[in-house]
Amino acid sequence: MIACLAASGVPMTASQVQAELGGDLAYNTVLTAMTRLYAKQALERSPQGRAFAYRLSGEGAADAEAGVTAHRMHLLLEAGADRTSVLARFVGEMDEETERLLRALLEEAEATGPSGPSGASGPVASEREDR
């Protein structure tokens, strides 16, 4: 669905996405998935007649995928009984490049305030674009 919305470049309703995907998925399945992606802030929506038209949030498919992955990471972290142990193991298993990137992101977030680096600007932007 994300790839379909990225390829279209324009907001699409659930029925339009279903048709574009070939109709193998039930309308309710497509609508449920799009509603969940909206809840995870991977999609934005606006009224179109009696339905909603959905489009990718941020800068496209990569941004939408990053938002979904970050949401999953938060859910997993919240589900753990010992947050400190979970984070310590996570950081302990990182390669040097990922650890350097995480440090830079944390520094950037500290410098920009509570909202953190949400856009593709800042000192770490080029690192994000390279991946």
C-alpha atoms as a PDB file:
ATOM      1  CA  MET A   1       0.000   0.000   0.000  1.00  0.00           C
ATOM      2  CA  ILE A   2       2.837   2.368   0.809  1.00  0.00           C
ATOM      3  CA  ALA A   3       4.456   1.607  -2.549  1.00  0.00           C
ATOM      4  CA  CYS A   4       1.110   2.158  -4.289  1.00  0.00           C
ATOM      5  CA  LEU A   5       0.650   5.570  -2.663  1.00  0.00           C
ATOM      6  CA  ALA A   6       4.270   6.504  -3.378  1.00  0.00           C
ATOM      7  CA  ALA A   7       3.908   5.574  -7.045  1.00  0.00           C
ATOM      8  CA  SER A   8       0.660   7.494  -7.509  1.00  0.00           C
ATOM      9  CA  GLY A   9       1.959  10.764  -6.103  1.00  0.00           C
ATOM     10  CA  VAL A  10      -1.613  11.877  -5.334  1.00  0.00           C
ATOM     11  CA  PRO A  11      -3.936  11.097  -2.409  1.00  0.00           C
ATOM     12  CA  MET A  12      -5.966   7.922  -2.922  1.00  0.00           C
ATOM     13  CA  THR A  13      -9.018   6.419  -1.226  1.00  0.00           C
ATOM     14  CA  ALA A  14      -9.022   2.853   0.078  1.00  0.00           C
ATOM     15  CA  SER A  15     -11.107   1.724  -2.902  1.00  0.00           C
ATOM     16  CA  GLN A  16      -8.639   3.324  -5.329  1.00  0.00           C
ATOM     17  CA  VAL A  17      -5.719   1.610  -3.583  1.00  0.00           C
ATOM     18  CA  GLN A  18      -7.618  -1.693  -3.643  1.00  0.00           C
ATOM     19  CA  ALA A  19      -8.222  -1.348  -7.388  1.00  0.00           C
ATOM     20  CA  GLU A  20      -4.594  -0.373  -8.020  1.00  0.00           C
ATOM     21  CA  LEU A  21      -3.387  -3.429  -6.085  1.00  0.00           C
ATOM     22  CA  GLY A  22      -5.453  -5.673  -8.331  1.00  0.00           C
ATOM     23  CA  GLY A  23      -8.482  -6.302  -6.137  1.00  0.00           C
ATOM     24  CA  ASP A  24      -7.045  -9.439  -4.464  1.00  0.00           C
ATOM     25  CA  LEU A  25      -7.466  -7.837  -1.041  1.00  0.00           C
ATOM     26  CA  ALA A  26     -10.882  -7.163   0.448  1.00  0.00           C
ATOM     27  CA  TYR A  27     -11.874  -3.508   0.751  1.00  0.00           C
ATOM     28  CA  ASN A  28     -12.120  -3.836   4.560  1.00  0.00           C
ATOM     29  CA  THR A  29      -8.576  -5.242   4.692  1.00  0.00           C
ATOM     30  CA  VAL A  30      -7.206  -2.298   2.712  1.00  0.00           C
ATOM     31  CA  LEU A  31      -9.189   0.227   4.764  1.00  0.00           C
ATOM     32  CA  THR A  32      -8.069  -1.335   8.059  1.00  0.00           C
ATOM     33  CA  ALA A  33      -4.424  -1.344   6.992  1.00  0.00           C
ATOM     34  CA  MET A  34      -4.592   2.279   5.831  1.00  0.00           C
ATOM     35  CA  THR A  35      -6.339   3.337   9.047  1.00  0.00           C
ATOM     36  CA  ARG A  36      -3.587   1.664  11.076  1.00  0.00           C
ATOM     37  CA  LEU A  37      -0.869   3.316   8.994  1.00  0.00           C
ATOM     38  CA  TYR A  38      -2.638   6.648   9.593  1.00  0.00           C
ATOM     39  CA  ALA A  39      -2.670   5.949  13.356  1.00  0.00           C
ATOM     40  CA  LYS A  40       1.084   5.258  13.181  1.00  0.00           C
ATOM     41  CA  GLN A  41       1.538   8.587  11.361  1.00  0.00           C
ATOM     42  CA  ALA A  42       2.848   6.907   8.213  1.00  0.00           C
ATOM     43  CA  LEU A  43      -0.097   8.346   6.259  1.00  0.00           C
ATOM     44  CA  GLU A  44      -2.014  11.608   6.279  1.00  0.00           C
ATOM     45  CA  ARG A  45      -5.645  11.773   5.263  1.00  0.00           C
ATOM     46  CA  SER A  46      -8.192  14.311   4.138  1.00  0.00           C
ATOM     47  CA  PRO A  47     -11.934  14.033   3.468  1.00  0.00           C
ATOM     48  CA  GLN A  48     -12.868  13.171  -0.098  1.00  0.00           C
ATOM     49  CA  GLY A  49     -16.626  12.852  -0.425  1.00  0.00           C
ATOM     50  CA  ARG A  50     -17.789  10.291   2.132  1.00  0.00           C
ATOM     51  CA  ALA A  51     -14.344   8.655   2.341  1.00  0.00           C
ATOM     52  CA  PHE A  52     -10.822   9.705   3.189  1.00  0.00           C
ATOM     53  CA  ALA A  53      -8.025  10.138   0.678  1.00  0.00           C
ATOM     54  CA  TYR A  54      -4.656   9.017   2.032  1.00  0.00           C
ATOM     55  CA  ARG A  55      -1.158  10.157   1.146  1.00  0.00           C
ATOM     56  CA  LEU A  56       2.271   9.411   2.544  1.00  0.00           C
ATOM     57  CA  SER A  57       3.430  11.493   5.488  1.00  0.00           C
ATOM     58  CA  GLY A  58       6.725  13.311   5.290  1.00  0.00           C
ATOM     59  CA  GLU A  59       9.068  12.827   2.367  1.00  0.00           C
ATOM     60  CA  GLY A  60       7.611   9.677   0.828  1.00  0.00           C
ATOM     61  CA  ALA A  61       7.866   5.920   1.180  1.00  0.00           C
ATOM     62  CA  ALA A  62      11.147   5.931   3.113  1.00  0.00           C
ATOM     63  CA  ASP A  63       9.748   8.415   5.653  1.00  0.00           C
ATOM     64  CA  ALA A  64       6.534   6.408   5.997  1.00  0.00           C
ATOM     65  CA  GLU A  65       8.476   3.186   6.535  1.00  0.00           C
ATOM     66  CA  ALA A  66      10.711   4.892   9.098  1.00  0.00           C
ATOM     67  CA  GLY A  67       7.640   6.119  10.984  1.00  0.00           C
ATOM     68  CA  VAL A  68       6.119   2.638  11.119  1.00  0.00           C
ATOM     69  CA  THR A  69       9.418   1.101  12.260  1.00  0.00           C
ATOM     70  CA  ALA A  70       9.880   3.755  14.958  1.00  0.00           C
ATOM     71  CA  HIS A  71       6.330   3.118  16.178  1.00  0.00           C
ATOM     72  CA  ARG A  72       7.057  -0.623  16.425  1.00  0.00           C
ATOM     73  CA  MET A  73      10.276   0.067  18.315  1.00  0.00           C
ATOM     74  CA  HIS A  74       8.385   2.229  20.829  1.00  0.00           C
ATOM     75  CA  LEU A  75       5.756  -0.486  21.321  1.00  0.00           C
ATOM     76  CA  LEU A  76       8.420  -3.127  21.932  1.00  0.00           C
ATOM     77  CA  LEU A  77      10.295  -0.889  24.342  1.00  0.00           C
ATOM     78  CA  GLU A  78       7.118  -0.112  26.295  1.00  0.00           C
ATOM     79  CA  ALA A  79       6.223  -3.826  26.467  1.00  0.00           C
ATOM     80  CA  GLY A  80       9.537  -4.769  28.097  1.00  0.00           C
ATOM     81  CA  ALA A  81       9.674  -5.158  31.867  1.00  0.00           C
ATOM     82  CA  ASP A  82      13.157  -3.672  32.211  1.00  0.00           C
ATOM     83  CA  ARG A  83      13.649  -0.736  29.845  1.00  0.00           C
ATOM     84  CA  THR A  84      17.263  -0.198  30.956  1.00  0.00           C
ATOM     85  CA  SER A  85      18.263  -3.779  30.123  1.00  0.00           C
ATOM     86  CA  VAL A  86      16.489  -3.650  26.777  1.00  0.00           C
ATOM     87  CA  LEU A  87      18.244  -0.418  25.779  1.00  0.00           C
ATOM     88  CA  ALA A  88      21.615  -1.631  27.101  1.00  0.00           C
ATOM     89  CA  ARG A  89      21.405  -4.787  24.995  1.00  0.00           C
ATOM     90  CA  PHE A  90      20.204  -2.839  21.969  1.00  0.00           C
ATOM     91  CA  VAL A  91      23.119  -0.411  22.174  1.00  0.00           C
ATOM     92  CA  GLY A  92      25.589  -3.169  23.055  1.00  0.00           C
ATOM     93  CA  GLU A  93      24.790  -5.047  19.834  1.00  0.00           C
ATOM     94  CA  MET A  94      25.165  -2.032  17.504  1.00  0.00           C
ATOM     95  CA  ASP A  95      27.965  -1.786  14.998  1.00  0.00           C
ATOM     96  CA  GLU A  96      30.226   1.276  15.225  1.00  0.00           C
ATOM     97  CA  GLU A  97      28.547   3.139  12.356  1.00  0.00           C
ATOM     98  CA  THR A  98      25.057   2.712  13.850  1.00  0.00           C
ATOM     99  CA  GLU A  99      26.308   3.759  17.279  1.00  0.00           C
ATOM    100  CA  ARG A 100      27.909   6.883  15.772  1.00  0.00           C
ATOM    101  CA  LEU A 101      24.664   7.703  13.978  1.00  0.00           C
ATOM    102  CA  LEU A 102      22.624   7.216  17.164  1.00  0.00           C
ATOM    103  CA  ARG A 103      24.985   9.492  19.107  1.00  0.00           C
ATOM    104  CA  ALA A 104      24.667  12.180  16.422  1.00  0.00           C
ATOM    105  CA  LEU A 105      20.868  11.893  16.442  1.00  0.00           C
ATOM    106  CA  LEU A 106      20.750  12.179  20.232  1.00  0.00           C
ATOM    107  CA  GLU A 107      22.994  15.250  20.124  1.00  0.00           C
ATOM    108  CA  GLU A 108      20.825  16.779  17.398  1.00  0.00           C
ATOM    109  CA  ALA A 109      17.658  16.060  19.394  1.00  0.00           C
ATOM    110  CA  GLU A 110      19.176  17.649  22.489  1.00  0.00           C
ATOM    111  CA  ALA A 111      20.127  20.755  20.511  1.00  0.00           C
ATOM    112  CA  THR A 112      16.718  21.142  18.838  1.00  0.00           C
ATOM    113  CA  GLY A 113      14.594  20.599  21.943  1.00  0.00           C
ATOM    114  CA  PRO A 114      11.844  18.174  22.935  1.00  0.00           C
ATOM    115  CA  SER A 115      10.392  17.690  19.454  1.00  0.00           C
ATOM    116  CA  GLY A 116      13.697  16.351  18.154  1.00  0.00           C
ATOM    117  CA  PRO A 117      14.809  16.071  14.550  1.00  0.00           C
ATOM    118  CA  SER A 118      11.615  15.350  12.643  1.00  0.00           C
ATOM    119  CA  GLY A 119      12.559  16.638   9.220  1.00  0.00           C
ATOM    120  CA  ALA A 120      15.314  15.832   6.783  1.00  0.00           C
ATOM    121  CA  SER A 121      17.441  18.797   7.797  1.00  0.00           C
ATOM    122  CA  GLY A 122      20.205  19.110  10.331  1.00  0.00           C
ATOM    123  CA  PRO A 123      23.681  17.653  10.660  1.00  0.00           C
ATOM    124  CA  VAL A 124      22.514  14.054  10.346  1.00  0.00           C
ATOM    125  CA  ALA A 125      20.316  14.568   7.288  1.00  0.00           C
ATOM    126  CA  SER A 126      23.018  13.475   4.862  1.00  0.00           C
ATOM    127  CA  GLU A 127      23.442  10.233   6.808  1.00  0.00           C
ATOM    128  CA  ARG A 128      19.696   9.526   6.500  1.00  0.00           C
ATOM    129  CA  GLU A 129      19.722  10.250   2.778  1.00  0.00           C
ATOM    130  CA  ASP A 130      22.633   7.871   2.206  1.00  0.00           C
ATOM    131  CA  ARG A 131      20.745   4.882   3.556  1.00  0.00           C
END
